[in-house]
Protein backbone atom coordinates (compact mmCIF):
# COMPACT_ATOMS: atom_id res chain seq x y z
CA MET A 1 64.13 68.73 -8.67
CA PRO A 2 63.88 68.59 -12.91
CA ILE A 3 60.44 69.06 -14.43
CA GLY A 4 61.66 65.60 -16.47
CA ILE A 5 62.13 63.98 -13.26
CA SER A 6 59.18 65.06 -11.28
CA LEU A 7 57.01 64.01 -14.05
CA THR A 8 58.70 60.85 -14.61
CA ARG A 9 58.07 59.95 -10.75
CA ILE A 10 54.45 61.22 -10.75
CA LEU A 11 54.10 58.85 -14.09
CA THR A 12 55.08 55.94 -12.33
CA SER A 13 53.78 56.04 -9.11
CA LEU A 14 50.27 56.50 -11.54
CA ALA A 15 50.96 53.36 -13.10
CA ASP A 16 51.47 51.36 -10.61
CA ILE A 17 48.72 52.37 -9.15
CA ILE A 18 46.78 51.72 -11.89
CA ARG A 19 48.54 48.07 -12.41
CA GLY A 20 48.84 46.55 -9.05
CA ARG A 21 51.77 45.59 -7.28
CA ASN A 22 51.40 42.05 -8.58
CA TYR A 23 52.52 42.89 -12.63
CA TYR A 24 52.48 39.23 -14.24
CA GLY A 25 48.70 38.69 -12.14
CA ARG A 26 46.93 41.49 -13.92
CA TYR A 27 47.63 39.56 -17.01
CA LYS A 28 45.94 36.57 -16.15
CA LYS A 29 42.46 38.17 -17.43
CA MET A 30 43.92 37.56 -20.71
CA TYR A 31 43.85 33.12 -19.84
CA LYS A 32 39.56 34.28 -20.26
CA LYS A 33 39.59 36.62 -22.69
CA ASP A 34 38.73 35.77 -27.11
CA LEU A 35 42.04 36.48 -28.18
CA ARG A 36 40.87 36.61 -31.68
CA LYS A 37 38.75 39.99 -30.85
CA ILE A 38 41.54 41.86 -30.50
CA PRO A 39 42.55 43.21 -33.36
CA SER A 40 46.74 43.79 -32.77
CA ILE A 41 46.36 39.74 -32.08
CA LYS A 42 43.78 38.70 -34.90
CA LEU A 43 46.22 40.16 -36.93
CA VAL A 44 49.26 38.52 -35.27
CA LEU A 45 47.65 35.17 -36.37
CA GLN A 46 46.55 36.01 -39.68
CA ILE A 47 49.68 36.98 -40.60
CA THR A 48 51.95 33.42 -38.67
CA HIS A 49 52.19 30.41 -39.77
CA GLY A 50 53.82 27.05 -38.48
CA ARG A 51 56.04 26.43 -35.48
CA VAL A 52 55.69 29.31 -33.89
CA LEU A 53 58.68 31.15 -30.37
CA ASP A 54 57.21 33.68 -28.99
CA VAL A 55 59.98 36.11 -27.84
CA GLY A 56 58.84 37.77 -24.08
CA CYS A 57 56.12 35.27 -23.56
CA GLY A 58 55.15 36.95 -20.42
CA ILE A 59 52.50 34.49 -19.02
CA GLY A 60 51.79 32.71 -21.98
CA TYR A 61 48.57 33.96 -23.33
CA LEU A 62 49.32 33.75 -26.45
CA SER A 63 50.12 29.91 -26.22
CA ALA A 64 46.34 29.85 -27.07
CA ILE A 65 45.75 30.39 -30.62
CA PHE A 66 48.52 28.94 -31.83
CA LYS A 67 49.02 24.92 -32.46
CA ASP A 68 52.79 24.42 -32.24
CA TYR A 69 53.93 27.22 -29.70
CA VAL A 70 57.47 27.50 -27.59
CA GLY A 71 57.72 30.44 -25.06
CA VAL A 72 60.66 31.98 -24.14
CA ASP A 73 61.40 34.82 -21.54
CA ILE A 74 64.45 35.48 -19.00
CA ASN A 75 61.41 35.98 -16.64
CA ARG A 76 61.64 33.14 -13.68
CA GLU A 77 58.06 34.14 -12.66
CA ALA A 78 56.43 34.74 -15.46
CA ILE A 79 57.15 31.06 -16.90
CA LEU A 80 56.21 29.91 -14.09
CA ILE A 81 52.42 31.13 -14.17
CA ALA A 82 52.73 30.47 -17.38
CA SER A 83 53.58 26.45 -17.30
CA LYS A 84 50.77 25.99 -14.31
CA ASN A 85 48.09 27.76 -17.02
CA THR A 86 49.11 27.02 -20.43
CA HIS A 87 49.76 24.55 -22.76
CA GLY A 88 52.45 26.02 -23.95
CA ASP A 89 56.19 24.35 -24.02
CA TYR A 90 58.37 27.59 -21.84
CA VAL A 91 62.18 28.68 -21.24
CA ILE A 92 64.14 30.93 -19.64
CA ALA A 93 66.50 32.54 -21.83
CA CYS A 94 67.66 36.07 -22.66
CA ALA A 95 65.71 37.58 -26.01
CA SER A 96 69.51 38.72 -27.04
CA ASN A 97 70.88 35.08 -26.75
CA LEU A 98 67.62 32.19 -27.85
CA PRO A 99 69.08 28.34 -27.00
CA PHE A 100 67.99 27.31 -30.33
CA ARG A 101 69.37 25.92 -33.22
CA SER A 102 69.31 28.13 -36.16
CA ASP A 103 65.90 27.87 -38.06
CA ALA A 104 64.08 25.45 -35.82
CA PHE A 105 61.03 28.04 -36.05
CA ASP A 106 58.76 29.37 -38.75
CA ALA A 107 58.56 32.29 -36.98
CA CYS A 108 59.28 34.46 -34.13
CA ILE A 109 56.56 36.51 -33.14
CA SER A 110 57.10 39.66 -29.96
CA TYR A 111 54.43 41.01 -28.41
CA ASP A 112 54.63 43.85 -26.69
CA CYS A 113 57.36 43.14 -25.75
CA ILE A 114 59.99 45.07 -27.90
CA GLU A 115 60.35 48.31 -25.84
CA HIS A 116 61.38 46.16 -22.73
CA LEU A 117 64.83 45.12 -24.57
CA GLU A 118 67.75 46.64 -23.57
CA HIS A 119 69.99 44.66 -26.78
CA VAL A 120 67.28 45.19 -29.45
CA GLU A 121 69.17 44.22 -32.44
CA GLN A 122 70.66 41.30 -30.97
CA ALA A 123 67.48 40.22 -29.88
CA LEU A 124 66.61 40.66 -33.78
CA ALA A 125 69.14 39.32 -35.04
CA GLU A 126 68.80 36.23 -33.04
CA MET A 127 65.16 35.91 -33.45
CA ALA A 128 66.42 36.02 -37.86
CA ARG A 129 68.61 33.12 -36.83
CA VAL A 130 66.03 30.70 -35.48
CA ALA A 131 62.83 31.72 -37.60
CA ASN A 132 61.87 32.13 -41.16
CA GLU A 133 60.42 34.96 -40.35
CA VAL A 134 59.31 37.57 -37.49
CA VAL A 135 56.36 39.45 -36.39
CA ILE A 136 56.59 42.23 -33.79
CA SER A 137 53.94 43.61 -32.39
CA CYS A 138 53.85 46.73 -29.57
CA VAL A 139 52.44 50.65 -29.46
CA ASP A 140 52.96 52.91 -32.13
CA PHE A 141 54.58 55.21 -30.25
CA SER A 142 54.02 57.84 -32.86
CA SER A 143 50.60 57.94 -32.37
CA TYR A 144 48.20 59.69 -29.75
CA TYR A 145 48.24 56.39 -27.23
CA ARG A 146 51.65 56.86 -26.04
CA PHE A 147 50.52 59.14 -23.83
CA PHE A 148 48.94 56.28 -22.10
CA THR A 149 51.26 54.28 -22.07
CA TYR A 150 54.19 55.20 -19.73
CA ASP A 151 55.75 51.74 -17.27
CA LYS A 152 59.14 52.29 -16.48
CA SER A 153 60.25 49.15 -17.73
CA HIS A 154 60.61 50.50 -21.02
CA ARG A 155 63.56 50.98 -22.43
CA TRP A 156 63.38 52.68 -25.26
CA LEU A 157 60.16 54.13 -27.41
CA PRO A 158 60.26 52.92 -31.23
CA THR A 159 58.32 54.10 -34.03
CA PRO A 160 57.16 52.00 -36.61
CA GLN A 161 60.06 53.57 -38.70
CA ASP A 162 62.94 52.82 -35.99
CA LEU A 163 61.15 48.75 -36.40
CA LEU A 164 61.48 48.50 -39.91
CA LEU A 165 65.14 49.96 -40.61
CA LEU A 166 65.95 47.55 -37.19
CA LEU A 167 64.27 44.17 -39.47
CA LYS A 168 65.53 45.58 -42.88
CA LYS A 169 68.84 44.97 -41.77
CA PHE A 170 67.82 41.08 -41.05
CA PHE A 171 65.17 40.91 -43.92
CA THR A 172 65.27 41.38 -47.18
CA HIS A 173 60.61 42.11 -46.93
CA VAL A 174 58.84 44.21 -44.09
CA GLN A 175 55.29 44.90 -44.11
CA ILE A 176 53.65 47.37 -41.47
CA PHE A 177 49.61 47.31 -40.80
CA LYS A 178 48.38 49.93 -37.92
CA THR A 179 45.98 48.38 -35.70
CA SER A 180 44.47 48.69 -32.19
CA GLY A 181 46.00 46.53 -28.99
CA ILE A 182 43.54 48.10 -26.28
CA PHE A 183 41.98 45.89 -24.78
CA VAL A 184 39.69 46.57 -21.60
CA LEU A 185 37.52 48.77 -24.14
CA PRO A 186 34.31 46.59 -25.91
CA HIS A 187 35.15 45.21 -28.86
CA ILE A 188 33.01 47.64 -31.08
CA LEU A 189 35.36 50.44 -30.03
CA ASN A 190 38.42 48.94 -30.16
CA VAL A 191 37.04 48.04 -33.89
CA PHE A 192 36.82 52.01 -34.51
CA LEU A 193 39.66 52.72 -33.07
CA GLU A 194 41.49 50.23 -35.37
CA ARG A 195 39.77 52.12 -38.42
CA PHE A 196 40.14 56.04 -37.58
CA LEU A 197 42.77 55.77 -34.67
CA PRO A 198 44.87 52.94 -34.64
CA ASN A 199 47.66 52.28 -31.77
CA GLN A 200 49.58 49.36 -32.73
CA VAL A 201 52.23 48.79 -35.18
CA VAL A 202 52.34 44.84 -36.67
CA LEU A 203 55.80 44.45 -38.40
CA LYS A 204 55.81 41.61 -40.39
CA ALA A 205 59.22 40.80 -41.65
CA TRP A 206 61.41 37.89 -43.80
CA ARG A 207 63.45 36.57 -46.65
CA LYS A 208 66.74 36.63 -44.46
CA ARG A 209 69.40 38.27 -45.64
CA SER A 210 72.54 36.24 -45.48
CA CYS A 211 75.39 36.27 -43.11
CA LEU A 212 77.71 38.57 -45.30
CA GLU A 213 74.94 41.60 -45.88
CA TYR A 214 74.94 41.92 -41.75
């Protein structure tokens, strides 16, 4: 058996043991957390305004920090959990075919989702269509933390530069922030990581290119 396949199986098994069988259930603890104390989420909140569409919302825990919030996810189980536990409005749909009119939102956010998407460019094109700005947050897969984030549902492992180049296809302005996105550590340690060992990247893109440019 090739070493790469063996290692993949080992990492998958370890990740499944750590996460448990209930994939979405493990995120329910986020309903009870003060999300504004998590550096990456605090940053997303600070740079996002108006009516928000959360693409790949999962169980919708980010609805707690936005007043005007709509979540979209392709997984019916996740949307059911979100609908029962939060105040947000939810739609079951694919990120690459969003069922909303153009410019229906002020901003699209996508938190820890982009690495799970198979048709990334189509999804970003849809986000650019329905919103004036896009905020993407995910693990910085060029950082040390990539060794702790193995997940068999990842479709690719984007670097900040990968995301920058993709967003520039649809927006004239893109800004990159480095921060911390580890949930389970004490706040003071997250602050340390944010300053000295960032493991999460947040990108904000705005001012859409005309359709003739892409």
